[in-house]
Protein backbone atom coordinates (compact mmCIF):
# COMPACT_ATOMS: atom_id res chain seq x y z
CA UNK A 1 -11.42 7.15 53.56
CA UNK A 2 -11.44 4.78 56.72
CA UNK A 3 -12.83 7.28 59.07
CA UNK A 4 -16.02 7.45 56.56
CA UNK A 5 -16.44 3.76 56.88
CA UNK A 6 -16.72 4.40 60.64
CA UNK A 7 -20.13 2.26 61.77
CA UNK A 8 -21.27 -0.54 64.20
CA UNK A 9 -21.38 -3.79 61.96
CA UNK A 10 -23.96 -6.19 63.15
CA UNK A 11 -22.70 -9.73 63.29
CA UNK A 12 -24.36 -12.68 62.11
CA UNK A 13 -23.61 -16.49 61.59
CA UNK A 14 -22.62 -16.19 57.97
CA UNK A 15 -20.42 -13.96 55.94
CA UNK A 16 -23.23 -13.29 53.50
CA UNK A 17 -25.45 -12.01 56.00
CA UNK A 18 -22.65 -9.82 57.54
CA UNK A 19 -22.39 -8.47 54.00
CA UNK A 20 -26.10 -7.96 53.68
CA UNK A 21 -26.48 -6.11 56.92
CA UNK A 22 -23.10 -3.91 56.32
CA UNK A 23 -24.11 -2.95 52.79
CA UNK A 24 -26.07 0.08 54.12
CA UNK A 25 -22.97 1.13 55.86
CA UNK A 26 -20.44 1.29 53.27
CA UNK A 27 -20.18 0.44 49.54
CA UNK A 28 -16.68 0.36 48.34
CA UNK A 29 -13.18 -1.03 49.55
CA UNK A 30 -10.47 1.32 50.72
CA UNK A 31 -6.77 1.25 49.65
CA UNK A 32 -4.47 -0.89 51.78
CA UNK A 33 -4.09 0.29 55.33
CA UNK A 34 -0.74 0.30 57.33
CA UNK A 35 -0.55 -1.01 61.00
CA UNK A 36 -0.98 2.56 62.19
CA UNK A 37 -4.35 2.70 60.30
CA UNK A 38 -5.49 -0.79 60.86
CA UNK A 39 -9.21 -0.96 62.26
CA UNK A 40 -9.83 -1.91 65.65
CA UNK A 41 -12.88 -4.32 66.56
CA UNK A 42 -14.53 -4.20 69.67
CA UNK A 43 -16.21 -7.65 71.05
CA UNK A 44 -18.58 -7.38 73.82
CA UNK A 45 -19.17 -10.01 76.73
CA UNK A 46 -21.61 -12.07 78.08
CA UNK A 47 -25.02 -10.42 78.13
CA UNK A 48 -23.86 -7.28 76.38
CA UNK A 49 -24.16 -5.55 73.39
CA UNK A 50 -22.47 -3.58 70.62
CA UNK A 51 -23.36 -0.46 72.67
CA UNK A 52 -20.69 -1.60 75.20
CA UNK A 53 -18.02 -0.53 72.41
CA UNK A 54 -19.28 3.21 71.97
CA UNK A 55 -16.70 4.84 74.22
CA UNK A 56 -14.06 2.71 72.39
CA UNK A 57 -15.07 3.43 68.71
CA UNK A 58 -15.04 7.50 69.87
CA UNK A 59 -11.75 6.90 71.55
CA UNK A 60 -9.92 5.57 68.67
CA UNK A 61 -11.51 7.59 66.00
CA UNK A 62 -10.82 10.74 67.72
CA UNK A 63 -7.45 9.92 69.03
CA UNK A 64 -5.79 7.66 66.39
CA UNK A 65 -5.97 6.73 62.86
CA UNK A 66 -7.60 3.55 63.51
CA UNK A 67 -10.99 3.08 62.37
CA UNK A 68 -13.03 1.32 64.77
CA UNK A 69 -16.16 -0.90 64.86
CA UNK A 70 -18.35 -3.02 67.01
CA UNK A 71 -19.80 -6.42 66.53
CA UNK A 72 -23.19 -7.78 67.78
CA UNK A 73 -22.78 -11.47 68.88
CA UNK A 74 -25.52 -13.92 68.01
CA UNK A 75 -28.55 -14.72 70.18
CA UNK A 76 -29.88 -17.35 67.93
CA UNK A 77 -33.27 -18.34 69.68
CA UNK A 78 -34.07 -20.77 66.54
CA UNK A 79 -30.86 -22.78 67.78
CA UNK A 80 -32.06 -22.91 71.33
CA UNK A 81 -28.70 -21.30 72.20
CA UNK A 82 -27.43 -17.79 73.30
CA UNK A 83 -23.98 -16.56 74.25
CA UNK A 84 -22.28 -19.49 72.59
CA UNK A 85 -18.58 -19.16 72.22
CA UNK A 86 -18.49 -21.16 68.84
CA UNK A 87 -21.26 -19.18 67.38
CA UNK A 88 -19.48 -16.05 68.67
CA UNK A 89 -16.30 -17.06 67.05
CA UNK A 90 -17.64 -17.77 63.76
CA UNK A 91 -19.45 -14.32 63.85
CA UNK A 92 -16.25 -12.39 64.76
CA UNK A 93 -14.37 -14.18 61.86
CA UNK A 94 -17.08 -13.20 59.19
CA UNK A 95 -17.14 -9.72 60.67
CA UNK A 96 -13.51 -9.37 60.48
CA UNK A 97 -13.52 -10.42 56.91
CA UNK A 98 -16.12 -8.06 56.00
CA UNK A 99 -13.96 -5.27 57.59
CA UNK A 100 -10.84 -6.11 56.13
CA UNK A 101 -12.65 -6.11 52.70
CA UNK A 102 -14.21 -2.35 53.37
CA UNK A 103 -10.77 -0.68 54.60
CA UNK A 104 -8.12 -2.71 52.63
CA UNK A 105 -6.19 -3.98 55.79
CA UNK A 106 -4.28 -6.91 56.00
CA UNK A 107 -4.64 -7.19 59.48
CA UNK A 108 -7.05 -6.09 62.08
CA UNK A 109 -6.67 -5.41 66.12
CA UNK A 110 -9.27 -6.72 68.44
CA UNK A 111 -10.31 -5.76 71.76
CA UNK A 112 -12.75 -7.93 73.69
CA UNK A 113 -14.26 -7.57 77.06
CA UNK A 114 -14.91 -10.37 79.52
CA UNK A 115 -16.25 -13.39 77.61
CA UNK A 116 -15.75 -11.76 74.31
CA UNK A 117 -12.26 -12.61 74.87
CA UNK A 118 -12.68 -16.39 74.99
CA UNK A 119 -14.92 -16.07 71.91
CA UNK A 120 -12.08 -14.07 69.83
CA UNK A 121 -9.37 -16.43 71.12
CA UNK A 122 -11.56 -19.40 69.85
CA UNK A 123 -11.49 -17.60 66.59
CA UNK A 124 -7.81 -16.71 66.55
CA UNK A 125 -6.65 -20.64 67.30
CA UNK A 126 -9.32 -22.57 65.39
CA UNK A 127 -10.97 -20.51 62.79
CA UNK A 128 -8.01 -18.88 60.91
CA UNK A 129 -7.83 -15.69 62.98
CA UNK A 130 -4.13 -16.04 63.77
CA UNK A 131 -3.37 -15.25 60.03
CA UNK A 132 -5.25 -11.53 60.20
CA UNK A 133 -5.16 -10.58 63.72
CA UNK A 134 -2.29 -8.32 64.67
CA UNK A 135 -3.10 -7.57 68.34
CA UNK A 136 -5.62 -9.11 70.90
CA UNK A 137 -6.26 -7.14 73.96
CA UNK A 138 -8.47 -8.59 76.58
CA UNK A 139 -10.52 -6.40 79.16
CA UNK A 140 -11.16 -8.17 82.14
CA UNK A 141 -11.17 -11.70 80.23
CA UNK A 142 -10.86 -14.60 82.70
CA UNK A 143 -8.59 -16.73 79.97
CA UNK A 144 -8.74 -19.57 82.12
CA UNK A 145 -12.02 -19.54 83.22
CA UNK A 146 -14.04 -18.35 86.27
CA UNK A 147 -12.96 -19.53 89.73
CA UNK A 148 -15.03 -21.91 92.03
CA UNK A 149 -16.47 -19.15 94.49
CA UNK A 150 -17.15 -16.62 92.13
CA UNK A 151 -20.47 -15.29 91.51
CA UNK A 152 -20.95 -17.00 88.43
CA UNK A 153 -19.31 -20.37 90.11
CA UNK A 154 -20.24 -20.42 93.47
CA UNK A 155 -19.92 -24.30 93.95
CA UNK A 156 -20.59 -25.37 90.32
CA UNK A 157 -21.33 -23.55 87.33
CA UNK A 158 -24.81 -21.94 87.32
CA UNK A 159 -24.94 -20.77 83.77
CA UNK A 160 -26.23 -23.16 81.07
CA UNK A 161 -23.24 -24.58 78.92
CA UNK A 162 -24.05 -22.62 75.57
CA UNK A 163 -25.24 -19.37 77.77
CA UNK A 164 -21.87 -18.47 79.65
CA UNK A 165 -21.29 -21.95 80.98
CA UNK A 166 -18.22 -22.22 78.77
CA UNK A 167 -16.09 -19.90 80.62
CA UNK A 168 -16.72 -21.70 84.09
CA UNK A 169 -13.41 -23.68 84.99
CA UNK A 170 -15.48 -26.62 86.20
CA UNK A 171 -18.08 -26.31 83.38
CA UNK A 172 -21.71 -26.75 83.65
CA UNK A 173 -22.48 -28.95 86.63
CA UNK A 174 -19.31 -29.93 87.21
CA UNK A 175 -18.39 -31.38 83.91
CA UNK A 176 -15.17 -31.11 82.38
CA UNK A 177 -14.47 -27.97 80.29
CA UNK A 178 -13.36 -29.28 76.99
CA UNK A 179 -13.79 -25.76 75.33
CA UNK A 180 -11.42 -24.20 77.87
CA UNK A 181 -9.05 -27.23 77.95
CA UNK A 182 -8.87 -26.98 74.06
CA UNK A 183 -8.34 -23.10 74.13
CA UNK A 184 -5.28 -23.12 76.50
CA UNK A 185 -3.54 -26.41 75.61
CA UNK A 186 0.07 -25.79 74.49
CA UNK A 187 1.00 -22.30 73.87
CA UNK A 188 -1.67 -19.91 75.41
CA UNK A 189 -0.39 -16.94 73.30
CA UNK A 190 -1.00 -18.93 69.96
CA UNK A 191 0.35 -17.67 66.51
CA UNK A 192 1.91 -14.69 65.62
CA UNK A 193 -0.70 -12.53 67.14
CA UNK A 194 0.50 -9.96 69.78
CA UNK A 195 -1.54 -10.58 73.00
CA UNK A 196 -2.29 -8.16 76.13
CA UNK A 197 -4.57 -8.89 79.24
CA UNK A 198 -5.95 -5.90 81.06
CA UNK A 199 -7.11 -6.74 84.52
CA UNK A 200 -9.21 -4.59 87.02
CA UNK A 201 -8.12 -5.15 90.81
CA UNK A 202 -11.42 -3.81 91.90
CA UNK A 203 -13.39 -5.97 94.38
CA UNK A 204 -15.91 -6.72 91.73
CA UNK A 205 -12.98 -6.89 89.03
CA UNK A 206 -11.22 -9.96 87.73
CA UNK A 207 -9.42 -12.78 88.93
CA UNK A 208 -5.78 -12.39 89.38
CA UNK A 209 -4.76 -15.83 88.28
CA UNK A 210 -7.43 -16.54 85.62
CA UNK A 211 -7.21 -13.53 83.94
CA UNK A 212 -3.42 -14.09 82.74
CA UNK A 213 -2.02 -15.64 79.59
CA UNK A 214 1.42 -17.27 79.46
CA UNK A 215 3.76 -17.78 76.32
CA UNK A 216 5.06 -14.04 76.33
CA UNK A 217 1.84 -12.38 76.49
CA UNK A 218 1.60 -9.18 78.20
CA UNK A 219 -0.25 -8.50 81.48
CA UNK A 220 -1.36 -5.06 83.13
CA UNK A 221 -3.23 -4.50 86.11
CA UNK A 222 -5.48 -1.39 86.63
CA UNK A 223 -6.98 -0.51 89.99
CA UNK A 224 -10.54 0.55 90.95
CA UNK A 225 -12.29 -0.15 87.86
CA UNK A 226 -15.66 -2.11 88.09
CA UNK A 227 -15.80 -4.98 85.63
CA UNK A 228 -18.72 -3.73 83.68
CA UNK A 229 -16.99 -0.37 83.32
CA UNK A 230 -13.79 -1.25 81.57
CA UNK A 231 -14.69 -0.93 77.88
CA UNK A 232 -15.61 2.80 78.73
CA UNK A 233 -12.78 3.58 81.13
CA UNK A 234 -9.97 5.74 80.01
CA UNK A 235 -7.14 4.09 81.69
CA UNK A 236 -8.32 0.81 80.17
CA UNK A 237 -8.40 2.57 76.79
CA UNK A 238 -5.42 4.23 76.87
CA UNK A 239 -3.69 0.92 77.70
CA UNK A 240 -5.16 -0.72 74.90
CA UNK A 241 -4.02 1.90 72.57
CA UNK A 242 -0.73 1.55 74.05
CA UNK A 243 -0.41 -2.10 73.24
CA UNK A 244 -1.84 -1.68 70.13
CA UNK A 245 0.38 1.38 68.85
CA UNK A 246 3.63 1.19 70.96
CA UNK A 247 4.16 -2.27 72.93
CA UNK A 248 3.46 -4.11 76.00
CA UNK A 249 2.08 -1.67 78.83
CA UNK A 250 2.67 -4.06 81.64
CA UNK A 251 4.81 -7.03 82.16
CA UNK A 252 5.55 -10.05 79.99
CA UNK A 253 4.16 -13.48 81.29
CA UNK A 254 6.18 -16.45 80.05
């Protein structure tokens, strides 16, 4: 039955809105899912869209028993902010809760690209996600923030604080980045969740140091994949599947 529910869930700021938007997609809950059939949710990154996860949805629904979904993160102009990790995290929470309801799954797996990983980890750490997320797989997520000298942070962060600036290590205009400090305080691999970080070594890929998590998280380098192409790359998808269904596809970082 889970395959019949394959669809794109449009994220909003409240669980009620998620339910209303998703009502056209599904009508009734499924029976309880096993870990081998638990849903996979794709979370896109800064400036992205749900379509960035189309290849992942096709991959998992064709090659595994996992139903797969994508979420559209909010760009609420009426709040005057876009690409805000705090708003994103609330949407991820509400979408996960709805997916669990329609599939009957106790837990879900989340594959997040780029800044979407920071939003996801905020949800896991501060909004109750640690209790319902089995695996977190980050694709090209700079878990400790972009480094000075990067395109987004040539000297100081050039992105507005709530429109991508939260992922800059030095914050917006050099201000202290309390968001990243809180996210990575203490145990970076927070809770019982299994963490895997996949990184491209391509020239326009991801930072070698900032793309790692400590505390027993898995880390794997994949050569030659442009950052934007990671969610649709078969090698990245193979490793995400391995992390979810088998175990760490790389090395463990303590």
